Each structure stands twice: as structure tokens, then as C-alpha cells.
N, C-alpha and C. Protein backbone atom coordinates (compact mmCIF):
# COMPACT_ATOMS: atom_id res chain seq x y z
N UNK A 1 -233.14 15.30 68.81
CA UNK A 1 -233.90 15.78 69.95
C UNK A 1 -234.84 17.23 69.68
N UNK A 2 -235.80 17.19 70.39
CA UNK A 2 -236.55 18.19 70.22
C UNK A 2 -235.96 19.59 71.03
N UNK A 3 -236.04 20.58 70.28
CA UNK A 3 -235.76 21.77 71.02
C UNK A 3 -236.86 22.48 72.06
N UNK A 4 -236.36 23.07 73.00
CA UNK A 4 -237.32 23.52 74.05
C UNK A 4 -238.41 24.61 73.21
N UNK A 5 -238.14 25.27 72.00
CA UNK A 5 -239.18 26.30 71.60
C UNK A 5 -240.00 25.09 70.66
N UNK A 6 -239.79 24.21 70.16
CA UNK A 6 -240.93 23.37 69.63
C UNK A 6 -241.66 22.90 70.34
N UNK A 7 -241.25 22.38 71.78
CA UNK A 7 -242.18 22.03 72.72
C UNK A 7 -243.17 22.90 73.02
N UNK A 8 -242.94 24.17 73.17
CA UNK A 8 -243.79 25.55 73.56
C UNK A 8 -244.64 25.53 72.49
N UNK A 9 -244.28 25.31 71.07
CA UNK A 9 -245.27 25.75 70.08
C UNK A 9 -246.20 24.69 69.95
N UNK A 10 -245.78 23.22 70.41
CA UNK A 10 -246.76 22.26 70.50
C UNK A 10 -247.61 22.47 71.52
N UNK A 11 -247.36 22.73 72.52
CA UNK A 11 -248.12 23.13 73.75
C UNK A 11 -249.03 24.25 73.46
N UNK A 12 -248.62 25.34 72.86
CA UNK A 12 -249.84 26.19 72.37
C UNK A 12 -250.78 25.89 71.45
N UNK A 13 -250.20 25.14 70.24
CA UNK A 13 -251.20 24.08 69.28
C UNK A 13 -252.32 23.60 70.24
N UNK A 14 -251.60 22.84 70.94
CA UNK A 14 -252.60 21.66 71.65
C UNK A 14 -253.58 22.52 72.45
N UNK A 15 -253.20 23.48 73.11
CA UNK A 15 -254.14 24.48 73.76
C UNK A 15 -255.07 24.88 73.02
N UNK A 16 -254.78 25.50 71.42
CA UNK A 16 -255.63 26.04 70.76
C UNK A 16 -256.82 25.05 70.26
N UNK A 17 -256.19 23.74 70.09
CA UNK A 17 -257.07 22.90 69.83
C UNK A 17 -258.13 22.32 70.54
N UNK A 18 -257.56 22.22 71.75
CA UNK A 18 -258.34 21.88 73.41
C UNK A 18 -259.44 22.91 73.30
N UNK A 19 -259.03 23.89 73.43
CA UNK A 19 -260.09 25.13 73.70
C UNK A 19 -261.00 24.98 72.67
N UNK A 20 -260.66 24.77 71.58
CA UNK A 20 -261.74 24.81 70.24
C UNK A 20 -262.80 23.59 70.44
N UNK A 21 -262.23 22.54 70.73
CA UNK A 21 -263.07 21.34 70.97
C UNK A 21 -263.94 21.19 72.38
N UNK A 22 -263.37 22.01 73.25
CA UNK A 22 -264.06 22.37 74.38
C UNK A 22 -265.27 23.19 74.35
N UNK A 23 -264.91 24.18 73.76
CA UNK A 23 -265.88 25.07 73.27
C UNK A 23 -266.97 25.09 72.05
N UNK A 24 -266.58 24.00 71.19
CA UNK A 24 -267.47 23.63 70.19
C UNK A 24 -268.94 23.29 70.78
N UNK A 25 -269.32 23.01 72.05
CA UNK A 25 -270.89 22.71 72.19
C UNK A 25 -271.17 24.28 72.56
N UNK A 26 -270.49 25.21 73.09
CA UNK A 26 -271.02 26.33 73.57
C UNK A 26 -270.96 27.45 71.82
N UNK A 27 -270.18 27.20 71.01
CA UNK A 27 -270.46 27.76 69.68
C UNK A 27 -269.69 29.27 69.75
N UNK A 28 -268.65 29.33 70.74
CA UNK A 28 -268.01 30.28 70.96
C UNK A 28 -266.88 31.04 70.18
N UNK A 29 -266.50 30.04 69.10
CA UNK A 29 -265.96 30.46 68.19
C UNK A 29 -266.49 30.32 66.79
N UNK A 30 -267.94 30.69 66.91
CA UNK A 30 -268.73 30.59 65.69
C UNK A 30 -268.58 32.08 64.76
N UNK A 31 -268.34 32.05 63.41
CA UNK A 31 -268.53 33.72 63.04
C UNK A 31 -269.57 33.46 61.95
N UNK A 32 -270.67 32.75 62.14
CA UNK A 32 -271.69 32.79 61.44
C UNK A 32 -273.11 32.65 62.36
N UNK A 33 -274.38 32.88 61.47
CA UNK A 33 -275.29 32.58 61.99
C UNK A 33 -275.81 31.17 61.26
N UNK A 34 -276.74 30.49 61.96
CA UNK A 34 -277.45 29.41 61.21
C UNK A 34 -278.56 28.91 61.47
N UNK A 35 -278.96 28.79 60.30
CA UNK A 35 -280.43 28.29 60.00
C UNK A 35 -280.55 26.87 60.22
N UNK A 36 -279.64 26.31 59.48
CA UNK A 36 -279.42 24.47 59.67
C UNK A 36 -278.05 24.61 60.23
N UNK A 37 -278.17 23.72 61.18
CA UNK A 37 -276.93 23.32 61.86
C UNK A 37 -276.92 21.64 61.93
N UNK A 38 -275.97 21.31 61.53
CA UNK A 38 -275.56 19.44 61.69
C UNK A 38 -275.57 19.48 63.35
N UNK A 39 -276.62 18.29 63.93
CA UNK A 39 -276.70 18.01 65.18
C UNK A 39 -275.90 16.49 65.41
N UNK A 40 -275.10 16.56 66.32
CA UNK A 40 -274.75 15.23 66.46
C UNK A 40 -275.51 14.71 67.67
N UNK A 41 -275.95 13.41 67.43
CA UNK A 41 -276.83 13.09 68.64
C UNK A 41 -276.39 12.87 70.03
N UNK A 42 -277.29 13.81 70.95
CA UNK A 42 -276.94 13.95 72.23
C UNK A 42 -275.77 14.81 72.38
N UNK A 43 -275.09 15.60 71.55
CA UNK A 43 -274.17 16.74 71.70
C UNK A 43 -274.76 18.23 71.05
N UNK A 44 -275.98 18.68 71.41
CA UNK A 44 -276.36 19.60 70.68
C UNK A 44 -275.56 21.01 71.18
N UNK A 45 -275.49 21.89 70.62
CA UNK A 45 -274.74 23.06 71.32
C UNK A 45 -275.50 23.77 72.65
N UNK A 46 -274.98 24.33 73.41
CA UNK A 46 -275.43 24.54 74.67
C UNK A 46 -276.43 25.74 74.54
N UNK A 47 -275.80 26.54 73.42
CA UNK A 47 -276.74 28.16 73.31
C UNK A 47 -278.41 27.21 72.74
N UNK A 48 -278.19 26.09 71.83
CA UNK A 48 -279.49 25.77 71.30
C UNK A 48 -280.24 25.32 72.48
N UNK A 49 -279.56 24.54 73.49
CA UNK A 49 -280.45 24.33 74.50
C UNK A 49 -281.09 24.97 75.43
N UNK A 50 -280.20 26.39 76.06
CA UNK A 50 -280.86 27.15 76.56
C UNK A 50 -282.26 27.96 75.80
N UNK A 51 -282.02 27.63 74.69
CA UNK A 51 -283.22 28.57 73.82
C UNK A 51 -284.11 27.64 73.51
N UNK A 52 -284.30 26.39 73.98
CA UNK A 52 -285.71 25.71 73.65
C UNK A 52 -285.39 25.20 72.37
N UNK A 53 -284.35 24.46 71.98
CA UNK A 53 -284.15 23.49 71.04
C UNK A 53 -284.81 22.31 70.93
N UNK A 54 -285.57 21.95 69.65
CA UNK A 54 -286.36 20.96 69.79
C UNK A 54 -285.64 19.58 69.46
N UNK A 55 -286.14 18.68 70.16
CA UNK A 55 -285.55 17.26 70.10
C UNK A 55 -285.12 16.84 68.74
N UNK A 56 -283.44 16.78 68.47
CA UNK A 56 -283.19 16.02 67.33
C UNK A 56 -283.65 14.85 67.05
N UNK A 57 -283.88 14.05 67.99
CA UNK A 57 -284.34 12.65 67.84
C UNK A 57 -285.75 12.11 67.47
N UNK A 58 -286.61 13.27 67.57
CA UNK A 58 -288.20 13.10 67.39
C UNK A 58 -288.49 14.07 66.18
N UNK A 59 -289.43 14.01 65.72
CA UNK A 59 -290.36 14.87 64.83
C UNK A 59 -291.33 15.95 65.87
N UNK A 60 -290.97 17.11 65.51
CA UNK A 60 -291.68 18.14 66.29
C UNK A 60 -292.08 19.02 65.46
N UNK A 61 -293.53 19.06 66.02
CA UNK A 61 -294.48 20.09 65.05
C UNK A 61 -294.32 21.56 65.44
N UNK A 62 -294.06 21.49 66.93
CA UNK A 62 -293.79 22.92 67.41
C UNK A 62 -292.87 22.81 68.73
N UNK A 63 -292.20 24.06 68.69
CA UNK A 63 -291.16 24.08 69.83
C UNK A 63 -291.95 24.49 71.43
N UNK A 64 -290.93 24.23 72.23
CA UNK A 64 -291.36 24.90 73.38
C UNK A 64 -290.69 26.51 73.61
N UNK A 65 -291.56 27.31 74.48
CA UNK A 65 -291.31 28.56 74.08
C UNK A 65 -291.24 28.84 75.85
N UNK A 66 -290.13 29.14 76.22
CA UNK A 66 -289.68 29.48 77.70
C UNK A 66 -289.05 30.84 77.80
N UNK A 67 -288.97 31.31 78.94
CA UNK A 67 -288.03 32.41 79.40
C UNK A 67 -287.51 32.26 80.68
N UNK A 68 -286.37 31.91 80.83
CA UNK A 68 -285.70 31.25 81.87
C UNK A 68 -284.48 32.47 82.24
N UNK A 69 -284.22 32.08 83.42
CA UNK A 69 -282.68 32.88 83.96
C UNK A 69 -281.75 32.74 83.03
N UNK A 70 -281.31 31.42 82.50
CA UNK A 70 -280.38 30.76 82.02
C UNK A 70 -280.02 31.41 80.81
N UNK A 71 -281.24 31.71 79.89
CA UNK A 71 -281.08 32.53 78.56
C UNK A 71 -280.49 34.11 78.81
N UNK A 72 -280.96 34.34 79.83
CA UNK A 72 -280.59 36.00 80.30
C UNK A 72 -279.08 35.79 80.70
N UNK A 73 -278.66 34.62 81.25
CA UNK A 73 -277.48 34.79 81.79
C UNK A 73 -276.43 34.54 80.64
N UNK A 74 -277.00 33.71 79.87
CA UNK A 74 -276.31 33.22 78.43
C UNK A 74 -276.17 34.39 77.69
N UNK A 75 -276.82 35.26 77.52
CA UNK A 75 -276.85 36.60 76.61
C UNK A 75 -275.96 37.80 77.55
N UNK A 76 -275.80 37.38 78.90
CA UNK A 76 -274.94 38.55 79.79
C UNK A 76 -273.43 38.16 79.66
N UNK A 77 -273.36 36.59 80.04
CA UNK A 77 -271.77 36.41 80.19
C UNK A 77 -271.28 35.46 79.03
N UNK A 78 -271.73 34.92 78.05
CA UNK A 78 -271.22 34.03 76.98
C UNK A 78 -270.23 34.89 76.05
N UNK A 79 -269.10 34.25 76.01
CA UNK A 79 -268.05 34.68 75.26
C UNK A 79 -268.54 35.20 74.01
N UNK A 80 -269.28 34.36 73.13
CA UNK A 80 -269.45 34.66 71.93
C UNK A 80 -270.40 35.88 71.95
N UNK A 81 -271.63 36.12 72.66
CA UNK A 81 -272.32 37.45 72.77
C UNK A 81 -271.11 38.59 73.21
N UNK A 82 -270.72 38.61 74.32
CA UNK A 82 -269.45 39.39 74.30
C UNK A 82 -268.80 40.19 73.08
N UNK A 83 -268.34 39.05 72.52
CA UNK A 83 -267.31 39.49 71.23
C UNK A 83 -268.44 40.24 70.23
N UNK A 84 -269.68 39.71 70.09
CA UNK A 84 -270.50 40.20 69.05
C UNK A 84 -270.74 41.83 69.46
N UNK A 85 -271.05 41.99 70.74
CA UNK A 85 -271.14 43.23 71.46
C UNK A 85 -270.12 44.13 71.24
N UNK A 86 -269.15 43.62 71.24
CA UNK A 86 -267.76 44.57 70.89
C UNK A 86 -267.69 44.73 69.29
N UNK A 87 -268.33 43.77 68.34
CA UNK A 87 -268.21 44.02 67.07
C UNK A 87 -269.34 45.06 66.57
N UNK A 88 -270.54 44.76 67.39
CA UNK A 88 -271.69 45.96 67.25
C UNK A 88 -271.14 47.42 67.71
N UNK A 89 -270.51 47.42 68.47
CA UNK A 89 -269.94 48.79 69.14
C UNK A 89 -268.97 49.41 68.36
N UNK A 90 -268.28 48.48 67.55
CA UNK A 90 -267.22 49.07 66.50
C UNK A 90 -268.13 49.95 65.35
N UNK A 91 -269.01 48.98 64.86
CA UNK A 91 -269.97 49.21 63.93
C UNK A 91 -270.43 50.76 63.97
N UNK A 92 -271.08 50.76 65.29
CA UNK A 92 -271.64 52.03 65.92
C UNK A 92 -270.85 53.29 65.72
N UNK A 93 -269.65 53.01 66.40
CA UNK A 93 -268.67 53.97 66.60
C UNK A 93 -268.15 54.74 65.13
N UNK A 94 -268.04 53.53 64.21
CA UNK A 94 -267.64 54.02 62.81
C UNK A 94 -268.74 54.68 62.39
N UNK A 95 -269.77 54.80 62.82
CA UNK A 95 -271.20 55.58 62.20
C UNK A 95 -271.34 57.11 62.72
N UNK A 96 -270.87 57.03 63.79
CA UNK A 96 -270.85 58.18 64.38
C UNK A 96 -269.96 58.30 66.03
N UNK A 97 -269.27 59.55 65.93
CA UNK A 97 -268.85 59.70 67.55
C UNK A 97 -269.38 60.40 68.51
N UNK A 98 -270.53 60.84 68.23
CA UNK A 98 -271.66 61.47 68.87
C UNK A 98 -272.21 60.73 69.96
N UNK A 99 -272.20 60.56 71.24
CA UNK A 99 -273.12 59.61 72.16
C UNK A 99 -274.57 59.34 71.69
N UNK A 100 -275.44 60.56 71.56
CA UNK A 100 -276.49 60.37 71.40
C UNK A 100 -277.02 59.71 69.93
N UNK A 101 -276.07 59.91 69.10
CA UNK A 101 -276.07 59.46 67.86
C UNK A 101 -276.15 57.79 67.78
N UNK A 102 -274.88 57.60 68.64
CA UNK A 102 -274.45 56.22 68.65
C UNK A 102 -275.55 55.45 69.41
N UNK A 103 -276.15 55.77 70.45
CA UNK A 103 -277.34 55.17 71.13
C UNK A 103 -278.50 55.20 70.24
N UNK A 104 -278.91 56.07 69.41
CA UNK A 104 -279.87 55.81 68.49
C UNK A 104 -279.47 54.75 67.31
N UNK A 105 -278.52 54.73 66.95
CA UNK A 105 -278.19 53.88 65.77
C UNK A 105 -277.77 52.31 66.54
N UNK A 106 -277.55 52.26 67.66
CA UNK A 106 -277.21 51.05 68.52
C UNK A 106 -278.69 50.45 68.51
N UNK A 107 -279.77 51.19 68.89
CA UNK A 107 -281.09 50.78 68.99
C UNK A 107 -281.92 50.54 67.72
N UNK A 108 -281.63 51.08 66.42
CA UNK A 108 -282.19 50.81 65.34
C UNK A 108 -281.52 49.54 64.91
N UNK A 109 -280.02 49.15 65.24
CA UNK A 109 -279.35 48.16 64.66
C UNK A 109 -280.19 46.81 65.54
N UNK A 110 -280.19 47.15 66.84
CA UNK A 110 -280.33 46.19 67.96
C UNK A 110 -281.95 45.51 67.78
N UNK A 111 -282.79 46.58 67.71
CA UNK A 111 -284.24 46.26 67.75
C UNK A 111 -285.01 46.73 66.45
N UNK A 112 -284.28 47.43 65.59
CA UNK A 112 -285.13 47.90 64.42
C UNK A 112 -286.11 49.03 64.44
N UNK A 113 -285.73 49.84 65.62
CA UNK A 113 -286.50 50.82 65.91
C UNK A 113 -285.88 52.27 66.52
N UNK A 114 -286.27 53.42 66.79
CA UNK A 114 -285.52 54.35 67.49
C UNK A 114 -286.07 54.29 69.17
N UNK A 115 -284.91 54.59 69.55
CA UNK A 115 -285.32 54.30 71.11
C UNK A 115 -286.21 55.55 71.53
N UNK A 116 -286.88 55.04 72.60
CA UNK A 116 -287.88 55.98 73.51
C UNK A 116 -287.03 57.09 74.05
N UNK A 117 -287.55 58.12 74.32
CA UNK A 117 -287.05 59.29 75.11
C UNK A 117 -286.73 58.84 76.42
N UNK A 118 -287.27 57.97 77.32
CA UNK A 118 -286.83 57.40 78.22
C UNK A 118 -285.64 56.14 78.13
N UNK A 119 -285.85 55.39 77.00
CA UNK A 119 -284.76 54.64 76.82
C UNK A 119 -283.64 55.58 76.68
N UNK A 120 -283.47 56.54 75.93
CA UNK A 120 -282.53 57.29 75.42
C UNK A 120 -281.50 57.82 76.72
N UNK A 121 -282.47 58.45 77.68
CA UNK A 121 -281.94 58.88 78.89
C UNK A 121 -281.28 57.85 79.86
N UNK A 122 -282.01 56.76 79.67
CA UNK A 122 -281.42 55.45 80.42
C UNK A 122 -280.29 54.94 80.11
N UNK A 123 -279.97 54.77 78.60
CA UNK A 123 -279.18 54.28 77.87
C UNK A 123 -277.67 55.55 78.07
N UNK A 124 -277.91 56.84 77.97
CA UNK A 124 -277.05 57.91 78.36
C UNK A 124 -276.73 57.82 79.85
N UNK A 125 -277.49 57.56 80.73
CA UNK A 125 -277.14 57.56 82.27
C UNK A 125 -276.32 56.23 82.46
N UNK A 126 -276.52 55.10 81.84
CA UNK A 126 -275.95 53.90 81.85
C UNK A 126 -274.60 54.26 81.45
N UNK A 127 -274.18 54.74 80.12
CA UNK A 127 -272.91 55.17 79.64
C UNK A 127 -272.09 55.96 80.97
N UNK A 128 -272.84 56.89 81.22
CA UNK A 128 -272.22 57.86 82.20
C UNK A 128 -271.58 56.98 83.64
N UNK A 129 -272.58 56.13 83.94
CA UNK A 129 -272.42 55.43 85.47
C UNK A 129 -271.07 54.36 85.13
N UNK A 130 -271.03 53.70 83.81
CA UNK A 130 -270.32 52.49 83.64
C UNK A 130 -268.58 53.57 83.40
N UNK A 131 -268.70 54.64 82.75
CA UNK A 131 -267.53 55.27 82.58
C UNK A 131 -266.90 55.66 84.19
N UNK A 132 -268.01 56.36 84.96
CA UNK A 132 -267.72 56.56 86.15
C UNK A 132 -267.50 55.19 87.07
N UNK A 133 -268.03 54.34 87.00
CA UNK A 133 -267.45 52.99 87.93
C UNK A 133 -266.28 52.50 87.65
N UNK A 134 -265.99 52.92 86.34
CA UNK A 134 -264.52 52.22 86.00
C UNK A 134 -263.35 53.52 86.10
N UNK A 135 -263.55 54.52 87.09
CA UNK A 135 -262.90 55.76 87.43
C UNK A 135 -262.49 56.21 86.27
N UNK A 136 -263.19 56.40 85.04
CA UNK A 136 -262.88 57.01 84.12
C UNK A 136 -261.85 56.27 83.28
N UNK A 137 -261.72 55.18 83.65
CA UNK A 137 -260.60 54.54 82.53
C UNK A 137 -261.19 53.46 81.25
N UNK A 138 -262.32 53.75 81.46
CA UNK A 138 -263.11 52.91 80.16
C UNK A 138 -263.06 54.02 79.14
N UNK A 139 -262.44 53.55 78.14
CA UNK A 139 -262.82 54.06 76.81
C UNK A 139 -264.20 54.14 76.24
N UNK A 140 -264.54 55.05 75.20
CA UNK A 140 -265.65 55.03 74.80
C UNK A 140 -266.22 53.43 73.99
N UNK A 141 -265.01 52.98 73.31
CA UNK A 141 -265.41 51.76 72.89
C UNK A 141 -265.72 50.63 73.93
N UNK A 142 -265.47 50.78 75.02
CA UNK A 142 -265.65 49.62 76.00
C UNK A 142 -267.07 49.97 76.69
N UNK A 143 -267.34 51.41 76.68
CA UNK A 143 -268.72 51.86 77.28
C UNK A 143 -269.78 51.54 76.13
N UNK A 144 -269.25 51.64 74.92
CA UNK A 144 -270.20 51.56 73.96
C UNK A 144 -270.39 49.80 73.80
N UNK A 145 -269.56 49.15 74.21
CA UNK A 145 -269.87 47.68 73.99
C UNK A 145 -270.72 47.29 75.28
N UNK A 146 -270.44 47.66 76.24
CA UNK A 146 -271.18 47.32 77.54
C UNK A 146 -272.84 47.76 77.16
N UNK A 147 -272.98 48.92 76.51
CA UNK A 147 -274.32 49.28 76.06
C UNK A 147 -274.98 48.23 75.00
N UNK A 148 -274.04 47.65 74.10
CA UNK A 148 -274.58 46.72 73.21
C UNK A 148 -275.08 45.56 74.04
N UNK A 149 -274.18 45.15 74.91
CA UNK A 149 -274.08 44.21 75.65
C UNK A 149 -275.73 44.00 76.26
N UNK A 150 -276.00 44.87 76.82
CA UNK A 150 -277.20 45.53 77.68
C UNK A 150 -278.32 45.47 76.74
N UNK A 151 -278.11 45.86 75.32
CA UNK A 151 -279.30 45.78 74.52
C UNK A 151 -279.49 44.30 74.18
N UNK A 152 -278.70 43.34 73.84
CA UNK A 152 -278.19 42.00 73.62
C UNK A 152 -279.24 41.16 74.72
N UNK A 153 -278.77 41.74 75.73
CA UNK A 153 -279.52 40.94 77.11
C UNK A 153 -281.03 41.28 77.27
N UNK A 154 -281.52 41.96 76.86
CA UNK A 154 -282.94 42.50 77.15
C UNK A 154 -283.88 41.55 76.17
N UNK A 155 -285.06 41.61 77.18
CA UNK A 155 -286.00 40.62 76.74
C UNK A 155 -286.38 40.63 75.21
N UNK A 156 -286.53 42.07 74.84
CA UNK A 156 -286.92 42.75 73.49
C UNK A 156 -286.09 41.87 72.72
N UNK A 157 -284.62 41.75 72.70
CA UNK A 157 -283.86 41.47 71.83
C UNK A 157 -284.19 39.86 71.46
N UNK A 158 -284.52 39.26 72.64
CA UNK A 158 -284.45 37.64 72.83
C UNK A 158 -285.82 37.30 72.02
N UNK A 159 -286.95 38.02 72.00
CA UNK A 159 -288.17 37.51 71.69
C UNK A 159 -288.83 38.56 70.68
N UNK A 160 -289.33 37.98 69.71
CA UNK A 160 -290.17 38.58 68.69
C UNK A 160 -291.58 38.56 69.08
N UNK A 161 -292.52 39.87 69.12
CA UNK A 161 -293.58 39.73 69.54
C UNK A 161 -294.60 39.64 68.32
């Protein structure tokens, strides 16, 4: 006879496997960057589809280039991007505890450049507003993660000029 606790463990294991299989196309559990990625015919990752992935069934010399709302929504809401925002915020927080220096470092990591004075003021204002909107309950890490997420969601992050 099975005990009740083993059934709970099996359900938990099943749920974990089901989540990984259902999120496979979204690459939510990825902990890597990819230059070469195996593609199963007709099952390309949704992130690749959103960002103009070339047809895997045809030889393609150039890729389409588009700027769509789906791309921005992906960068704002996808669990993978949210996790990367949190990880970037932790990295920035380890570098400095001063908000001005954190903003500077986040911009350097995300864009490879220092923020302009307007961007610096807008980022500081965003951080204050985010904390105020959460009734002061947001910790610095959450505020910094939200700032990093906003940097990832920008068009400058998505496109190389």
C-alpha cells in the first residue's frame, strides 16, 4: 500500500515535470545564453518567435527585423526576464549600496554606457515612486529589480544601433 506522503511527493514531482515541459517553449527555466540552440520542427521557443527567429525549415540569408508590442510585453512580463532582472539587481546591490551609484552601474551593465543626467533623474524618480506606490513596503532589492526590469524592457536594450 502507498502511504499518503508518497502520493504527495509524486504529485509534487509530477507538477515540477509538467511545469518544465509546458515552459520548455518559453525557455523560462533557462540558465544559459544561446548562440546555437537545437530546434524541433514546428516547436521553436516562443521567445525566438517573438524576436523574429528565421524559419528553421528554410535557408535564410537575412532575418526579418520588426519592432512589435509582443516584444515589449515579453520583456516586461516573461518569468525569465523577471528572474534576470532580480539577478542583475543583486549584482548591482553587491557593487554599491548608494542609489546614485547603483543607477550608474545598472546602466553600464545594461547599455554599456553611463546614464545621461535626464536618465539619472528619471531612474531616481522611478525608484522613489516605486517605493511610494508600495506604501514604503518595497525593499531596496525589489525597487532595484523593478529598475533593472525597466532597463531590459527599453528599446535601447532590445536593439543594437
